[in-house]
Amino acid sequence: MDYENNFNFLTPYIGNDEQILWKGKPGKGNIFSGRDIVMLPFSIMWLSFCLVWEYTAIKSGSSIFFMLWGLPFIGVGIYMLFGGFIRKARLKNKTYYVITNKKIIIKSGNNIELYNGKDLPPMRIKLHKNGSGTITFNEDIYNTRGRVRSTYCMLENLADVVQAQRAVSRMLEEGAGTVDDIF
C-alpha cells in the first residue's frame, strides 16, 4: 500500500479552512518504555515461578490436574514477557500522526484521536540515541500524594522530530481555532 494512501482516513476530520502542516508515523525500534522497566522483572519472576511449579508437578508424578494447572499461568507469563512488545510493534505499524493548523490527529489501529491545539499542555521533546525523538504533552496533576505526571498525548519515535515540533509550534502560533471549528 502506498504511504500517501495510509492517510486517506483524514478526509472527514479536516475542515475547509484547515491545512496539514506535518504528517508521519513512528519509526522502527524503541518499543521499550518506562512502564516496561517495572513489568519486565515482574514478568520474569512470574514466568520463572510458573515454570518451576510445572517442572515440580511433572517430576513429582503429581496428578494430571496439577500438571495442567500451571499451563495457563505459564501462558500469562509468556504474554507478559513478550506479548506486550509484539503488540506494540504491530500497533506501531498501524499508527499515523497528523498535525494541522488547528489540531493533532493520531490514528492507532482503528482508533482515531483528535486533540485541539488550544487544549494541549506543554510540549516535551525527548531525543533518542538513534537520532529520532518523541514529543509528549504532559499535565502535572496534584493530589494528596503529591504531583503525578499524566500524559495527554504522544507522538512517538519520530525520525523528523524537529519538523513535527515546528509544525506544533506553528499550530500554536496560529491560534489553533475553536472547538466548533474542529468538530
Protein backbone atom coordinates (compact mmCIF):
# COMPACT_ATOMS: atom_id res chain seq x y z
CA MET A 1 0.00 0.00 0.00
CA ASP A 2 1.25 3.49 -0.91
CA TYR A 3 2.39 5.73 2.00
CA GLU A 4 0.04 8.56 1.00
CA ASN A 5 -2.94 6.18 0.83
CA ASN A 6 -2.42 5.39 4.52
CA PHE A 7 -3.56 8.96 5.27
CA ASN A 8 -6.90 8.67 3.41
CA PHE A 9 -8.68 8.39 6.77
CA LEU A 10 -8.12 12.15 7.26
CA THR A 11 -10.73 13.49 4.86
CA PRO A 12 -13.70 13.64 7.26
CA TYR A 13 -11.57 15.17 10.04
CA ILE A 14 -10.06 18.09 8.09
CA GLY A 15 -12.09 21.30 7.81
CA ASN A 16 -12.21 23.52 4.72
CA ASP A 17 -10.09 26.21 6.36
CA GLU A 18 -7.62 23.69 7.75
CA GLN A 19 -4.26 22.76 6.31
CA ILE A 20 -1.90 19.90 7.07
CA LEU A 21 1.40 21.16 8.48
CA TRP A 22 3.06 17.77 9.03
CA LYS A 23 2.27 14.08 8.79
CA GLY A 24 4.26 11.00 9.63
CA LYS A 25 4.40 7.74 11.52
CA PRO A 26 6.56 6.26 14.25
CA GLY A 27 9.88 4.80 13.20
CA LYS A 28 11.04 1.27 13.83
CA GLY A 29 12.53 0.28 17.17
CA ASN A 30 12.19 1.90 20.60
CA ILE A 31 9.29 -0.26 21.76
CA PHE A 32 10.72 -0.39 25.29
CA SER A 33 9.09 2.22 27.55
CA GLY A 34 9.45 3.32 31.16
CA ARG A 35 6.49 1.16 32.18
CA ASP A 36 8.35 -1.89 30.88
CA ILE A 37 11.14 -1.31 33.41
CA VAL A 38 8.66 -2.26 36.15
CA MET A 39 6.85 -5.01 34.25
CA LEU A 40 9.93 -6.83 32.93
CA PRO A 41 11.32 -8.05 36.29
CA PHE A 42 7.81 -8.97 37.48
CA SER A 43 7.16 -10.91 34.26
CA ILE A 44 10.43 -12.80 34.59
CA MET A 45 9.69 -13.70 38.23
CA TRP A 46 6.11 -14.76 37.35
CA LEU A 47 7.20 -16.95 34.45
CA SER A 48 10.09 -18.43 36.45
CA PHE A 49 7.80 -19.38 39.33
CA CYS A 50 5.28 -20.95 36.94
CA LEU A 51 7.97 -22.94 35.14
CA VAL A 52 9.34 -24.22 38.48
CA TRP A 53 5.79 -25.14 39.52
CA GLU A 54 5.22 -27.04 36.29
CA TYR A 55 8.61 -28.77 36.44
CA THR A 56 7.99 -29.82 40.05
CA ALA A 57 4.50 -31.10 39.25
CA ILE A 58 5.78 -33.20 36.35
CA LYS A 59 8.89 -34.51 38.17
CA SER A 60 6.99 -35.48 41.33
CA GLY A 61 4.43 -37.50 39.41
CA SER A 62 1.53 -35.33 40.58
CA SER A 63 -1.95 -35.81 39.25
CA ILE A 64 -2.83 -34.59 35.77
CA PHE A 65 -4.80 -31.75 37.41
CA PHE A 66 -1.65 -30.26 38.99
CA MET A 67 0.32 -30.74 35.77
CA LEU A 68 -2.31 -28.87 33.78
CA TRP A 69 -2.91 -26.26 36.49
CA GLY A 70 0.34 -24.42 35.75
CA LEU A 71 -0.10 -24.19 31.97
CA PRO A 72 -2.46 -21.16 31.90
CA PHE A 73 -0.13 -19.33 34.28
CA ILE A 74 2.83 -20.09 32.02
CA GLY A 75 0.80 -18.69 29.12
CA VAL A 76 0.11 -15.50 31.06
CA GLY A 77 3.81 -15.21 31.94
CA ILE A 78 4.88 -15.62 28.32
CA TYR A 79 2.37 -12.97 27.25
CA MET A 80 3.54 -10.57 29.99
CA LEU A 81 7.17 -11.07 28.96
CA PHE A 82 6.84 -10.98 25.15
CA GLY A 83 3.23 -10.19 24.20
CA GLY A 84 3.30 -6.52 25.08
CA PHE A 85 6.33 -5.91 22.88
CA ILE A 86 4.79 -7.81 19.97
CA ARG A 87 1.51 -5.90 20.36
CA LYS A 88 3.33 -2.55 20.48
CA ALA A 89 5.35 -3.37 17.37
CA ARG A 90 2.23 -4.40 15.43
CA LEU A 91 0.30 -1.31 16.55
CA LYS A 92 3.23 0.95 15.66
CA ASN A 93 2.94 -0.20 12.03
CA LYS A 94 -0.72 0.94 12.06
CA THR A 95 -0.11 4.35 13.70
CA TYR A 96 -0.19 7.66 11.83
CA TYR A 97 0.27 11.21 13.09
CA VAL A 98 -1.05 14.41 11.50
CA ILE A 99 -0.58 17.99 12.67
CA THR A 100 -2.83 20.63 11.13
CA ASN A 101 -3.05 24.33 11.86
CA LYS A 102 -5.81 23.53 14.41
CA LYS A 103 -5.32 20.07 15.86
CA ILE A 104 -3.30 16.89 16.21
CA ILE A 105 -4.79 13.70 14.79
CA ILE A 106 -3.49 10.30 15.87
CA LYS A 107 -4.72 7.15 14.18
CA SER A 108 -3.67 4.00 16.00
CA GLY A 109 -5.14 0.82 14.57
CA ASN A 110 -8.87 1.51 14.21
CA ASN A 111 -8.88 4.32 16.81
CA ILE A 112 -8.67 7.97 15.83
CA GLU A 113 -7.93 10.63 18.45
CA LEU A 114 -8.32 14.37 17.84
CA TYR A 115 -6.56 16.89 20.11
CA ASN A 116 -7.50 20.55 19.92
CA GLY A 117 -4.36 22.68 19.72
CA LYS A 118 -5.77 25.16 22.25
CA ASP A 119 -6.14 22.42 24.86
CA LEU A 120 -2.63 20.98 24.62
CA PRO A 121 -0.50 21.06 27.76
CA PRO A 122 3.19 22.00 27.45
CA MET A 123 5.23 20.07 24.90
CA ARG A 124 8.25 17.99 25.92
CA ILE A 125 10.72 16.53 23.46
CA LYS A 126 12.87 13.52 24.27
CA LEU A 127 15.69 12.78 21.86
CA HIS A 128 16.71 9.15 21.45
CA LYS A 129 20.22 7.82 20.86
CA ASN A 130 19.36 6.82 17.28
CA GLY A 131 18.51 10.43 16.36
CA SER A 132 14.74 10.09 16.49
CA GLY A 133 12.61 11.74 19.14
CA THR A 134 9.30 11.64 20.97
CA ILE A 135 7.02 14.61 21.53
CA THR A 136 4.92 14.31 24.68
CA PHE A 137 2.21 16.59 26.01
CA ASN A 138 2.10 16.12 29.79
CA GLU A 139 -0.06 17.59 32.51
CA ASP A 140 1.02 17.72 36.12
CA ILE A 141 -1.88 16.72 38.36
CA TYR A 142 -1.66 17.29 42.09
CA ASN A 143 -3.42 15.04 44.58
CA THR A 144 -2.97 14.14 48.24
CA ARG A 145 0.13 12.07 47.43
CA GLY A 146 1.84 14.89 45.54
CA ARG A 147 2.44 15.53 41.87
CA VAL A 148 1.55 12.95 39.23
CA ARG A 149 2.54 13.43 35.61
CA SER A 150 -0.26 12.44 33.25
CA THR A 151 0.37 12.02 29.53
CA TYR A 152 -2.21 13.86 27.43
CA CYS A 153 -0.95 12.61 24.06
CA MET A 154 2.30 11.48 22.49
CA LEU A 155 3.95 11.40 19.06
CA GLU A 156 6.44 8.58 19.46
CA ASN A 157 9.74 7.74 17.82
CA LEU A 158 9.72 10.37 15.06
CA ALA A 159 12.62 10.36 12.62
CA ASP A 160 11.92 14.03 11.80
CA VAL A 161 11.07 15.20 15.31
CA VAL A 162 12.29 18.75 14.56
CA GLN A 163 9.83 19.13 11.67
CA ALA A 164 6.98 17.82 13.85
CA GLN A 165 7.97 20.20 16.66
CA ARG A 166 7.99 23.14 14.22
CA ALA A 167 4.52 22.13 12.99
CA VAL A 168 3.20 22.03 16.58
CA SER A 169 4.76 25.43 17.29
CA ARG A 170 3.21 26.86 14.11
CA MET A 171 -0.19 25.41 15.07
CA LEU A 172 0.04 27.05 18.48
CA GLU A 173 1.15 30.40 16.97
CA GLU A 174 -1.76 30.45 14.53
CA GLY A 175 -4.24 30.17 17.39
CA ALA A 176 -5.44 26.59 16.85
CA GLY A 177 -9.05 27.55 16.02
CA THR A 178 -12.03 26.93 18.26
CA VAL A 179 -13.68 23.72 19.39
CA ASP A 180 -16.53 24.37 16.92
CA ASP A 181 -14.01 24.60 14.06
CA ILE A 182 -12.59 21.17 14.92
CA PHE A 183 -15.80 19.12 15.11
